[in-house]
């Protein structure tokens, strides 16, 4: 099935089209969508879709060996998303095969579980069981606990975006993108360790990061308000002092004028 979406970096797009008119921007995004759905584009496809596309718009597309046009950045993002999807599918299938083999070695009651997982890729929860491992306790009762699977940058960015929206967008889009990348770089570098223990729940860690950032920004705003209030008080005091000096000077001048020569 055709992937219905591709990753769209709004800040990168805006910086990339700042030299285009609004009409040219419309042509550009339309051709990107057409490439995502149809693949590399012929001149006829471009003409039918956008008429005579501007030269500045076409400069953002390359030609392959067959003379077809494509945007290189979009090609990369589509490829990354496809590779990630295939990796997740392969993991789900491997997990399903392992569980099926385990179920075949257990009693007949396990067949219900095997039937329930017979089509692991038919629903949106395809990765849920893949992230669980079975542990047997002393009483031979099976319990389940989640196995940590590190997220990719898209997962982190999407969750941060949801939390940012709840917080009335206290972070700008550019800062949010950089914040997600900083999160990934930090934990990729330290082996996904929180404190001194391996990370168990990356969503909770993201929430903690966003909560700390919210508190920091809130404190900065609070300090800014306090500083503004202090500045207003200083300005008022300075104005009163200047007024007092002016009145004193006026009185001195009046006394000098009234003194006989």
C-alpha atoms as a PDB file:
ATOM      1  CA  UNK A   1       0.000   0.000   0.000  1.00  0.00           C
ATOM      2  CA  UNK A   2       1.208   3.494  -0.882  1.00  0.00           C
ATOM      3  CA  UNK A   3       2.527   5.458   2.068  1.00  0.00           C
ATOM      4  CA  UNK A   4      -0.008   8.297   2.562  1.00  0.00           C
ATOM      5  CA  UNK A   5       2.440  10.744   4.145  1.00  0.00           C
ATOM      6  CA  UNK A   6       6.006  11.968   4.302  1.00  0.00           C
ATOM      7  CA  UNK A   7       7.932  13.876   6.963  1.00  0.00           C
ATOM      8  CA  UNK A   8       7.578  17.628   6.459  1.00  0.00           C
ATOM      9  CA  UNK A   9       9.938  20.047   8.248  1.00  0.00           C
ATOM     10  CA  UNK A  10       8.068  23.344   8.224  1.00  0.00           C
ATOM     11  CA  UNK A  11      11.083  25.453   9.237  1.00  0.00           C
ATOM     12  CA  UNK A  12      13.232  23.924   6.478  1.00  0.00           C
ATOM     13  CA  UNK A  13      10.456  24.511   3.945  1.00  0.00           C
ATOM     14  CA  UNK A  14       9.998  28.170   4.895  1.00  0.00           C
ATOM     15  CA  UNK A  15      13.714  28.870   4.703  1.00  0.00           C
ATOM     16  CA  UNK A  16      13.923  27.038   1.372  1.00  0.00           C
ATOM     17  CA  UNK A  17      11.131  29.039  -0.320  1.00  0.00           C
ATOM     18  CA  UNK A  18      11.924  32.511   1.024  1.00  0.00           C
ATOM     19  CA  UNK A  19      13.079  33.576  -2.446  1.00  0.00           C
ATOM     20  CA  UNK A  20       9.886  32.295  -4.140  1.00  0.00           C
ATOM     21  CA  UNK A  21       6.627  34.132  -4.727  1.00  0.00           C
ATOM     22  CA  UNK A  22       3.413  32.754  -3.234  1.00  0.00           C
ATOM     23  CA  UNK A  23       2.438  31.348  -6.643  1.00  0.00           C
ATOM     24  CA  UNK A  24       5.830  29.648  -6.986  1.00  0.00           C
ATOM     25  CA  UNK A  25       5.532  28.215  -3.487  1.00  0.00           C
ATOM     26  CA  UNK A  26       2.188  26.707  -4.492  1.00  0.00           C
ATOM     27  CA  UNK A  27       3.801  25.127  -7.547  1.00  0.00           C
ATOM     28  CA  UNK A  28       6.662  23.770  -5.447  1.00  0.00           C
ATOM     29  CA  UNK A  29       4.573  22.073  -2.758  1.00  0.00           C
ATOM     30  CA  UNK A  30       2.202  20.703  -5.416  1.00  0.00           C
ATOM     31  CA  UNK A  31       5.082  19.096  -7.310  1.00  0.00           C
ATOM     32  CA  UNK A  32       6.468  17.642  -4.074  1.00  0.00           C
ATOM     33  CA  UNK A  33       3.094  16.006  -3.369  1.00  0.00           C
ATOM     34  CA  UNK A  34       2.886  14.761  -6.960  1.00  0.00           C
ATOM     35  CA  UNK A  35       6.366  13.224  -6.718  1.00  0.00           C
ATOM     36  CA  UNK A  36       5.443  11.536  -3.438  1.00  0.00           C
ATOM     37  CA  UNK A  37       2.397   9.926  -5.061  1.00  0.00           C
ATOM     38  CA  UNK A  38       3.680   9.258  -8.594  1.00  0.00           C
ATOM     39  CA  UNK A  39       7.468   9.012  -8.296  1.00  0.00           C
ATOM     40  CA  UNK A  40       9.850  10.827 -10.640  1.00  0.00           C
ATOM     41  CA  UNK A  41       8.027  13.320 -12.879  1.00  0.00           C
ATOM     42  CA  UNK A  42       7.874  13.773 -16.626  1.00  0.00           C
ATOM     43  CA  UNK A  43       7.650  17.196 -18.220  1.00  0.00           C
ATOM     44  CA  UNK A  44       4.083  16.379 -19.252  1.00  0.00           C
ATOM     45  CA  UNK A  45       3.068  15.530 -15.678  1.00  0.00           C
ATOM     46  CA  UNK A  46       4.537  18.820 -14.464  1.00  0.00           C
ATOM     47  CA  UNK A  47       2.829  20.805 -17.234  1.00  0.00           C
ATOM     48  CA  UNK A  48      -0.562  19.215 -16.617  1.00  0.00           C
ATOM     49  CA  UNK A  49      -0.273  19.785 -12.882  1.00  0.00           C
ATOM     50  CA  UNK A  50       1.218  23.286 -12.704  1.00  0.00           C
ATOM     51  CA  UNK A  51       1.279  24.699 -16.208  1.00  0.00           C
ATOM     52  CA  UNK A  52       4.560  26.412 -16.907  1.00  0.00           C
ATOM     53  CA  UNK A  53       6.424  25.922 -13.628  1.00  0.00           C
ATOM     54  CA  UNK A  54       8.772  28.789 -12.776  1.00  0.00           C
ATOM     55  CA  UNK A  55      12.478  28.356 -13.380  1.00  0.00           C
ATOM     56  CA  UNK A  56      13.230  28.962  -9.688  1.00  0.00           C
ATOM     57  CA  UNK A  57      10.826  26.146  -8.789  1.00  0.00           C
ATOM     58  CA  UNK A  58      12.345  23.716 -11.275  1.00  0.00           C
ATOM     59  CA  UNK A  59      15.807  24.580  -9.930  1.00  0.00           C
ATOM     60  CA  UNK A  60      14.831  22.672  -6.794  1.00  0.00           C
ATOM     61  CA  UNK A  61      14.450  19.461  -8.807  1.00  0.00           C
ATOM     62  CA  UNK A  62      17.132  17.263 -10.372  1.00  0.00           C
ATOM     63  CA  UNK A  63      16.902  14.971 -13.392  1.00  0.00           C
ATOM     64  CA  UNK A  64      17.673  11.271 -13.223  1.00  0.00           C
ATOM     65  CA  UNK A  65      19.332   9.214 -15.963  1.00  0.00           C
ATOM     66  CA  UNK A  66      15.980   8.947 -17.789  1.00  0.00           C
ATOM     67  CA  UNK A  67      15.432  12.694 -17.774  1.00  0.00           C
ATOM     68  CA  UNK A  68      12.714  12.545 -15.091  1.00  0.00           C
ATOM     69  CA  UNK A  69      12.537  15.241 -12.429  1.00  0.00           C
ATOM     70  CA  UNK A  70      12.756  14.643  -8.661  1.00  0.00           C
ATOM     71  CA  UNK A  71      13.465  16.563  -5.454  1.00  0.00           C
ATOM     72  CA  UNK A  72      16.474  14.987  -3.735  1.00  0.00           C
ATOM     73  CA  UNK A  73      15.469  15.909  -0.156  1.00  0.00           C
ATOM     74  CA  UNK A  74      12.010  14.388  -0.613  1.00  0.00           C
ATOM     75  CA  UNK A  75      13.589  11.256  -2.091  1.00  0.00           C
ATOM     76  CA  UNK A  76      15.759  10.884   1.015  1.00  0.00           C
ATOM     77  CA  UNK A  77      12.896  11.431   3.480  1.00  0.00           C
ATOM     78  CA  UNK A  78      10.636   8.958   1.662  1.00  0.00           C
ATOM     79  CA  UNK A  79      13.442   6.390   1.668  1.00  0.00           C
ATOM     80  CA  UNK A  80      14.095   6.840   5.395  1.00  0.00           C
ATOM     81  CA  UNK A  81      10.407   6.440   6.230  1.00  0.00           C
ATOM     82  CA  UNK A  82      10.111   3.343   4.030  1.00  0.00           C
ATOM     83  CA  UNK A  83      13.194   1.761   5.607  1.00  0.00           C
ATOM     84  CA  UNK A  84      11.834   2.450   9.098  1.00  0.00           C
ATOM     85  CA  UNK A  85       8.465   0.912   8.193  1.00  0.00           C
ATOM     86  CA  UNK A  86      10.082  -2.200   6.743  1.00  0.00           C
ATOM     87  CA  UNK A  87      12.252  -2.567   9.830  1.00  0.00           C
ATOM     88  CA  UNK A  88       9.205  -2.394  12.076  1.00  0.00           C
ATOM     89  CA  UNK A  89       7.363  -4.944   9.928  1.00  0.00           C
ATOM     90  CA  UNK A  90      10.309  -7.331  10.069  1.00  0.00           C
ATOM     91  CA  UNK A  91      10.479  -6.988  13.852  1.00  0.00           C
ATOM     92  CA  UNK A  92       6.762  -7.672  14.167  1.00  0.00           C
ATOM     93  CA  UNK A  93       6.984 -10.774  11.981  1.00  0.00           C
ATOM     94  CA  UNK A  94       9.985 -12.132  13.890  1.00  0.00           C
ATOM     95  CA  UNK A  95       8.210 -11.558  17.193  1.00  0.00           C
ATOM     96  CA  UNK A  96       5.083 -13.270  15.918  1.00  0.00           C
ATOM     97  CA  UNK A  97       7.068 -16.315  14.715  1.00  0.00           C
ATOM     98  CA  UNK A  98       8.811 -16.646  18.075  1.00  0.00           C
ATOM     99  CA  UNK A  99       5.520 -16.462  19.963  1.00  0.00           C
ATOM    100  CA  UNK A 100       3.927 -18.952  17.604  1.00  0.00           C
ATOM    101  CA  UNK A 101       6.739 -21.460  18.198  1.00  0.00           C
ATOM    102  CA  UNK A 102       6.408 -20.960  21.960  1.00  0.00           C
ATOM    103  CA  UNK A 103       2.670 -21.493  21.767  1.00  0.00           C
ATOM    104  CA  UNK A 104       3.123 -24.746  19.879  1.00  0.00           C
ATOM    105  CA  UNK A 105       5.151 -26.110  22.814  1.00  0.00           C
ATOM    106  CA  UNK A 106       2.540 -25.200  25.445  1.00  0.00           C
ATOM    107  CA  UNK A 107      -0.857 -26.753  26.196  1.00  0.00           C
ATOM    108  CA  UNK A 108      -3.957 -26.384  24.047  1.00  0.00           C
ATOM    109  CA  UNK A 109      -5.119 -23.230  25.805  1.00  0.00           C
ATOM    110  CA  UNK A 110      -2.284 -21.327  24.191  1.00  0.00           C
ATOM    111  CA  UNK A 111      -3.859 -21.873  20.759  1.00  0.00           C
ATOM    112  CA  UNK A 112      -6.220 -18.988  21.461  1.00  0.00           C
ATOM    113  CA  UNK A 113      -3.268 -16.659  21.844  1.00  0.00           C
ATOM    114  CA  UNK A 114      -1.695 -18.036  18.681  1.00  0.00           C
ATOM    115  CA  UNK A 115      -4.894 -17.379  16.704  1.00  0.00           C
ATOM    116  CA  UNK A 116      -5.135 -13.889  18.136  1.00  0.00           C
ATOM    117  CA  UNK A 117      -1.674 -13.070  16.802  1.00  0.00           C
ATOM    118  CA  UNK A 118      -1.990 -14.924  13.486  1.00  0.00           C
ATOM    119  CA  UNK A 119      -2.049 -11.682  11.460  1.00  0.00           C
ATOM    120  CA  UNK A 120       0.318  -9.324  13.270  1.00  0.00           C
ATOM    121  CA  UNK A 121       0.375  -6.721  10.495  1.00  0.00           C
ATOM    122  CA  UNK A 122      -3.354  -6.277   9.991  1.00  0.00           C
ATOM    123  CA  UNK A 123      -3.894  -3.674  12.676  1.00  0.00           C
ATOM    124  CA  UNK A 124      -2.296  -0.484  13.929  1.00  0.00           C
ATOM    125  CA  UNK A 125      -1.043  -2.180  17.131  1.00  0.00           C
ATOM    126  CA  UNK A 126       1.349  -4.385  15.192  1.00  0.00           C
ATOM    127  CA  UNK A 127       4.358  -3.452  17.347  1.00  0.00           C
ATOM    128  CA  UNK A 128       2.731  -3.764  20.755  1.00  0.00           C
ATOM    129  CA  UNK A 129       3.359  -7.480  21.367  1.00  0.00           C
ATOM    130  CA  UNK A 130       6.783  -7.210  19.795  1.00  0.00           C
ATOM    131  CA  UNK A 131       7.872  -4.986  22.658  1.00  0.00           C
ATOM    132  CA  UNK A 132       6.895  -7.474  25.379  1.00  0.00           C
ATOM    133  CA  UNK A 133       8.940 -10.307  26.836  1.00  0.00           C
ATOM    134  CA  UNK A 134       7.597 -13.213  28.867  1.00  0.00           C
ATOM    135  CA  UNK A 135       9.068 -13.843  32.318  1.00  0.00           C
ATOM    136  CA  UNK A 136       8.217 -16.879  34.449  1.00  0.00           C
ATOM    137  CA  UNK A 137       8.051 -16.391  38.213  1.00  0.00           C
ATOM    138  CA  UNK A 138       8.570 -18.995  40.945  1.00  0.00           C
ATOM    139  CA  UNK A 139       4.987 -20.234  40.602  1.00  0.00           C
ATOM    140  CA  UNK A 140       5.428 -20.733  36.840  1.00  0.00           C
ATOM    141  CA  UNK A 141       2.901 -18.019  36.108  1.00  0.00           C
ATOM    142  CA  UNK A 142       3.630 -16.005  33.023  1.00  0.00           C
ATOM    143  CA  UNK A 143       3.862 -12.260  33.390  1.00  0.00           C
ATOM    144  CA  UNK A 144       4.596  -9.677  30.750  1.00  0.00           C
ATOM    145  CA  UNK A 145       6.784  -6.633  30.865  1.00  0.00           C
ATOM    146  CA  UNK A 146       7.724  -4.231  28.114  1.00  0.00           C
ATOM    147  CA  UNK A 147      11.091  -4.482  26.432  1.00  0.00           C
ATOM    148  CA  UNK A 148      12.649  -1.086  25.794  1.00  0.00           C
ATOM    149  CA  UNK A 149      12.884  -0.098  22.142  1.00  0.00           C
ATOM    150  CA  UNK A 150      14.577   3.230  21.516  1.00  0.00           C
ATOM    151  CA  UNK A 151      12.550   5.758  19.504  1.00  0.00           C
ATOM    152  CA  UNK A 152      13.561   7.518  16.335  1.00  0.00           C
ATOM    153  CA  UNK A 153      13.672  11.289  16.041  1.00  0.00           C
ATOM    154  CA  UNK A 154      10.200  11.435  14.466  1.00  0.00           C
ATOM    155  CA  UNK A 155       8.665   9.704  17.500  1.00  0.00           C
ATOM    156  CA  UNK A 156      10.372  12.112  19.895  1.00  0.00           C
ATOM    157  CA  UNK A 157       9.464  15.171  17.819  1.00  0.00           C
ATOM    158  CA  UNK A 158       5.800  14.138  17.540  1.00  0.00           C
ATOM    159  CA  UNK A 159       5.435  13.585  21.295  1.00  0.00           C
ATOM    160  CA  UNK A 160       7.206  16.861  22.060  1.00  0.00           C
ATOM    161  CA  UNK A 161       4.890  18.590  19.583  1.00  0.00           C
ATOM    162  CA  UNK A 162       1.814  17.239  21.374  1.00  0.00           C
ATOM    163  CA  UNK A 163       3.128  18.369  24.760  1.00  0.00           C
ATOM    164  CA  UNK A 164       4.094  21.758  23.335  1.00  0.00           C
ATOM    165  CA  UNK A 165       0.552  22.242  22.019  1.00  0.00           C
ATOM    166  CA  UNK A 166      -0.875  21.434  25.456  1.00  0.00           C
ATOM    167  CA  UNK A 167       1.473  24.062  26.890  1.00  0.00           C
ATOM    168  CA  UNK A 168       0.122  26.745  24.510  1.00  0.00           C
ATOM    169  CA  UNK A 169       3.164  26.397  22.222  1.00  0.00           C
ATOM    170  CA  UNK A 170       5.655  27.689  24.766  1.00  0.00           C
ATOM    171  CA  UNK A 171       8.444  26.589  22.389  1.00  0.00           C
ATOM    172  CA  UNK A 172       8.866  27.831  18.828  1.00  0.00           C
ATOM    173  CA  UNK A 173       8.919  25.361  15.939  1.00  0.00           C
ATOM    174  CA  UNK A 174      12.655  25.810  15.354  1.00  0.00           C
ATOM    175  CA  UNK A 175      13.438  25.317  19.028  1.00  0.00           C
ATOM    176  CA  UNK A 176      11.207  22.234  19.147  1.00  0.00           C
ATOM    177  CA  UNK A 177      13.056  20.617  16.218  1.00  0.00           C
ATOM    178  CA  UNK A 178      16.433  21.358  17.848  1.00  0.00           C
ATOM    179  CA  UNK A 179      15.153  20.136  21.215  1.00  0.00           C
ATOM    180  CA  UNK A 180      14.173  16.761  19.717  1.00  0.00           C
ATOM    181  CA  UNK A 181      17.562  16.446  18.030  1.00  0.00           C
ATOM    182  CA  UNK A 182      19.345  17.366  21.276  1.00  0.00           C
ATOM    183  CA  UNK A 183      17.365  14.658  23.100  1.00  0.00           C
ATOM    184  CA  UNK A 184      18.341  12.025  20.521  1.00  0.00           C
ATOM    185  CA  UNK A 185      22.007  13.091  20.412  1.00  0.00           C
ATOM    186  CA  UNK A 186      22.247  13.041  24.215  1.00  0.00           C
ATOM    187  CA  UNK A 187      20.889   9.537  24.696  1.00  0.00           C
ATOM    188  CA  UNK A 188      22.541   8.085  21.599  1.00  0.00           C
ATOM    189  CA  UNK A 189      25.838   9.279  23.083  1.00  0.00           C
ATOM    190  CA  UNK A 190      25.299   7.822  26.573  1.00  0.00           C
ATOM    191  CA  UNK A 191      23.733   4.530  25.458  1.00  0.00           C
ATOM    192  CA  UNK A 192      20.185   5.421  26.537  1.00  0.00           C
ATOM    193  CA  UNK A 193      21.062   5.649  30.212  1.00  0.00           C
ATOM    194  CA  UNK A 194      19.021   7.752  32.647  1.00  0.00           C
ATOM    195  CA  UNK A 195      21.120   8.557  35.693  1.00  0.00           C
ATOM    196  CA  UNK A 196      22.923   5.248  36.161  1.00  0.00           C
ATOM    197  CA  UNK A 197      20.239   2.856  34.899  1.00  0.00           C
ATOM    198  CA  UNK A 198      19.127   1.874  31.386  1.00  0.00           C
ATOM    199  CA  UNK A 199      16.110   3.764  30.097  1.00  0.00           C
ATOM    200  CA  UNK A 200      12.819   1.875  30.453  1.00  0.00           C
ATOM    201  CA  UNK A 201      10.278   4.364  29.100  1.00  0.00           C
ATOM    202  CA  UNK A 202      11.414   7.009  26.617  1.00  0.00           C
ATOM    203  CA  UNK A 203       7.985   8.710  26.631  1.00  0.00           C
ATOM    204  CA  UNK A 204       8.299   9.469  30.339  1.00  0.00           C
ATOM    205  CA  UNK A 205      11.820  10.792  29.777  1.00  0.00           C
ATOM    206  CA  UNK A 206      10.552  13.111  27.023  1.00  0.00           C
ATOM    207  CA  UNK A 207       7.824  14.370  29.357  1.00  0.00           C
ATOM    208  CA  UNK A 208      10.415  15.109  32.045  1.00  0.00           C
ATOM    209  CA  UNK A 209      12.543  17.043  29.558  1.00  0.00           C
ATOM    210  CA  UNK A 210       9.547  19.076  28.402  1.00  0.00           C
ATOM    211  CA  UNK A 211       8.413  19.693  31.994  1.00  0.00           C
ATOM    212  CA  UNK A 212      11.854  21.015  32.959  1.00  0.00           C
ATOM    213  CA  UNK A 213      11.951  23.219  29.873  1.00  0.00           C
ATOM    214  CA  UNK A 214       8.476  24.548  30.686  1.00  0.00           C
ATOM    215  CA  UNK A 215       9.549  25.360  34.261  1.00  0.00           C
ATOM    216  CA  UNK A 216      12.695  27.092  32.996  1.00  0.00           C
ATOM    217  CA  UNK A 217      10.800  29.240  30.486  1.00  0.00           C
ATOM    218  CA  UNK A 218       8.109  30.036  33.067  1.00  0.00           C
ATOM    219  CA  UNK A 219      10.746  31.110  35.596  1.00  0.00           C
ATOM    220  CA  UNK A 220      12.448  33.253  32.979  1.00  0.00           C
ATOM    221  CA  UNK A 221       9.154  34.978  32.198  1.00  0.00           C
ATOM    222  CA  UNK A 222       8.463  35.460  35.900  1.00  0.00           C
ATOM    223  CA  UNK A 223      11.935  36.946  36.388  1.00  0.00           C
ATOM    224  CA  UNK A 224      11.358  39.163  33.370  1.00  0.00           C
ATOM    225  CA  UNK A 225       8.140  40.495  34.862  1.00  0.00           C
ATOM    226  CA  UNK A 226       9.895  41.157  38.172  1.00  0.00           C
ATOM    227  CA  UNK A 227      12.723  42.921  36.365  1.00  0.00           C
ATOM    228  CA  UNK A 228      10.254  45.061  34.425  1.00  0.00           C
ATOM    229  CA  UNK A 229       8.495  46.009  37.639  1.00  0.00           C
ATOM    230  CA  UNK A 230      11.800  46.940  39.242  1.00  0.00           C
ATOM    231  CA  UNK A 231      12.743  48.987  36.186  1.00  0.00           C
ATOM    232  CA  UNK A 232       9.398  50.841  36.337  1.00  0.00           C
ATOM    233  CA  UNK A 233      10.004  51.685  39.991  1.00  0.00           C
ATOM    234  CA  UNK A 234      13.479  52.999  39.198  1.00  0.00           C
ATOM    235  CA  UNK A 235      12.137  55.069  36.314  1.00  0.00           C
ATOM    236  CA  UNK A 236       9.419  56.566  38.518  1.00  0.00           C
ATOM    237  CA  UNK A 237      11.958  57.372  41.228  1.00  0.00           C
ATOM    238  CA  UNK A 238      14.223  59.024  38.679  1.00  0.00           C
ATOM    239  CA  UNK A 239      11.312  61.078  37.327  1.00  0.00           C
ATOM    240  CA  UNK A 240      10.339  62.247  40.827  1.00  0.00           C
ATOM    241  CA  UNK A 241      13.953  63.219  41.463  1.00  0.00           C
ATOM    242  CA  UNK A 242      14.124  65.217  38.223  1.00  0.00           C
ATOM    243  CA  UNK A 243      10.826  66.954  39.047  1.00  0.00           C
ATOM    244  CA  UNK A 244      12.094  67.832  42.515  1.00  0.00           C
ATOM    245  CA  UNK A 245      15.295  69.291  41.053  1.00  0.00           C
ATOM    246  CA  UNK A 246      13.319  71.344  38.551  1.00  0.00           C
ATOM    247  CA  UNK A 247      11.057  72.769  41.286  1.00  0.00           C
ATOM    248  CA  UNK A 248      14.095  73.621  43.431  1.00  0.00           C
ATOM    249  CA  UNK A 249      15.767  75.389  40.511  1.00  0.00           C
ATOM    250  CA  UNK A 250      12.594  77.358  39.801  1.00  0.00           C
ATOM    251  CA  UNK A 251      12.362  78.532  43.406  1.00  0.00           C
ATOM    252  CA  UNK A 252      16.008  79.649  43.399  1.00  0.00           C
ATOM    253  CA  UNK A 253      15.458  81.595  40.214  1.00  0.00           C
ATOM    254  CA  UNK A 254      12.341  83.251  41.663  1.00  0.00           C
ATOM    255  CA  UNK A 255      14.258  84.363  44.751  1.00  0.00           C
ATOM    256  CA  UNK A 256      17.033  85.816  42.652  1.00  0.00           C
ATOM    257  CA  UNK A 257      14.541  87.762  40.544  1.00  0.00           C
ATOM    258  CA  UNK A 258      12.870  89.247  43.635  1.00  0.00           C
ATOM    259  CA  UNK A 259      16.138  90.339  45.316  1.00  0.00           C
ATOM    260  CA  UNK A 260      16.849  94.140  44.842  1.00  0.00           C
ATOM    261  CA  UNK A 261      19.945  94.929  42.851  1.00  0.00           C
END
